[in-house]
Amino acid sequence: MPSGKLPPPAGQLQLNFCKTLTCPNFGSMDEQDYLVQRSNPARPTLVCRECGAFPPLLNNQQVHAELIAQRQLHADGLCACTNPACEHLGKPVLTYRHCYHAFGYSGDKQRYRCKGCQSTFVDRWSGINKKSELQQKLLAFLFTGHTVREICRRLSLNPKTFYDHLNQIAARCRQKLAAYDTRFLSDTSTGHLASVHAPLQPNSENGVQWLATGEAHSGYILLQDVNYHSYDHDHLTEHHDPYQDACRFMATTNAGQRSEPTPRPDGLLGRVDAKYREVFSRSNVEDPYTQPLHFIYPNRGTLIRPQYTTYAHYLNLKPFIDHWQHIVVFSPQEPLLRSACLSVFEADIRDKRVSHVYVEQDPYWQPGSEPEKIDIVLLSWWRDRWAFTRSGAGSKAICDHGQNKGREAYWLTHASCDAMKKYQQHFHQQFALLVNEPRRRLRPGGLLPLLDIYRAWHNLCWQDHAHVTPAQRLGLTDRPLTLADLML
């Protein structure tokens, strides 16, 4: 019988339960299976009676609110329903025609009506792009390392017009990608995905994290989000209290003092073990910002607690791959990614349809190398079962949270997050001047449209050493697209 111990669900969404796969209470939402203490919001508040695990609590309404915010951002500029209360939110007309019907014209542009909420909208992209040539030049300058000031001078634009064009290009790129994303998702029945996270601006220390998920081997990016809203919120919270409204918005006082960097341990086993110690130094193991951490709060916009962004990210991903028969999600060693994946796909994990694997390796590991000798080590309070191996000068380790014994050699050869990590590294290299511009360090909102543009360019235009794009590797295109193709 509910007693009000756990934060109330948001409809059918309840994410507060034991996250230990081997525990009988995994996925259980029965409040009698847990002990809850609310005396100190800065400490873990949920304890599993069966295994003693202490999964952090979440405000389900705030996770759902962040999910809606992400869907609105992903749908911005698309020819799709924009009603937050509608089940068709963000579903493009191009790939979900059964959700809409034509509803006349607005000038020379097609108008549609949503069958779910009856709202109407205009297809902005049904006409000719009269600014295509100018926008191609703008993108060419951006991708060749020019600053905003140089681009404005060369194209005779003022900064406001520049950012207006950038937002229009980003919306067009989202529209272009929607068709390829839907084709990939509908034609696939099994797959390996990878999720990685990194600072959006590594040298800024502004607390904005960038999370990306994509097809692990081709490098095709499906979804990306940041824990940042470009607008200000009135109600910010210093401590995370999952029973409080608006608890996902971080207050500026969360920025800690700069701490001395800890020495990097030698060897892969030492680094994995050190990561566990760092995780347990947090008062909330799923929130990196609850340990002593120095960051400078942005002057504009609001930071979101990373756990809310991450859980919403996987909730966004889930309906895209619900029809897949078997899914494996790779990620670096980070309990936040693990817990969010296990929580969102809890029913699928029980059915052995989804599994999650940690992947760590040193820079000397060669992709596709066969493991020489496999050592099994149980690490941390969770007793995670890690498999370590070496090949030449390189080392690699994996941890299959499903603990499917006998698959270690396969995962050591095939599991990888390299394509996702290179995607983020290339972004930081490609736009180094823009990302590291001193005035932009505390105003990261200007980079958000650039992320959408970069995702489209990476998936459809960028070629690897074999002169093949990620979309070509998946059979979605027969040639690399050009900037002109993106602007059509």
Foldseek 3Di string as FASTA:
>chain_A
DDDCQAADADVPDDLDWDLQPVWPGHVPPPPVQWAADQPDLQFQGIAGPTQGDGARGAQNVLLLVLLLVQLLVLQVLACWDCDSVWPGRSPHCVQPVVQWDWDCADVPWTKIAGPTPRDIDTNPPPDADPCLVVLQLLVVCLLQADDLVVSCVVSVHDSVVSLVSLLVLLSLLSNVVSVLLLVLLVVAQEAEKEKEKDALQNPLLQPKMKIWMDGQPLLQTNDIDIQWDQADDDDADCGQDNNDPPSFWHDQVLAADDDDDDDQDPDPVSNLQVVLVLLVQASRSLFNSRHRGHGGHFPGTTGTGVLSNLLSRVVVVCVSNVNHQAYEYEYAPGVSNSSSNCSNCVVCVVVNRYWYKHKDKDPPDDAQDFFDDWDWAQHDPSRFTKIWGDDVPMIMIMTTSNPPPPCRRVCRRPPDNVSVVVLSVVVCVSHVCHSVPPVCSSNVPSCVSVVSVSSSCQQAADADPVGAGSSVVSVSDPHGDDSSVSSD
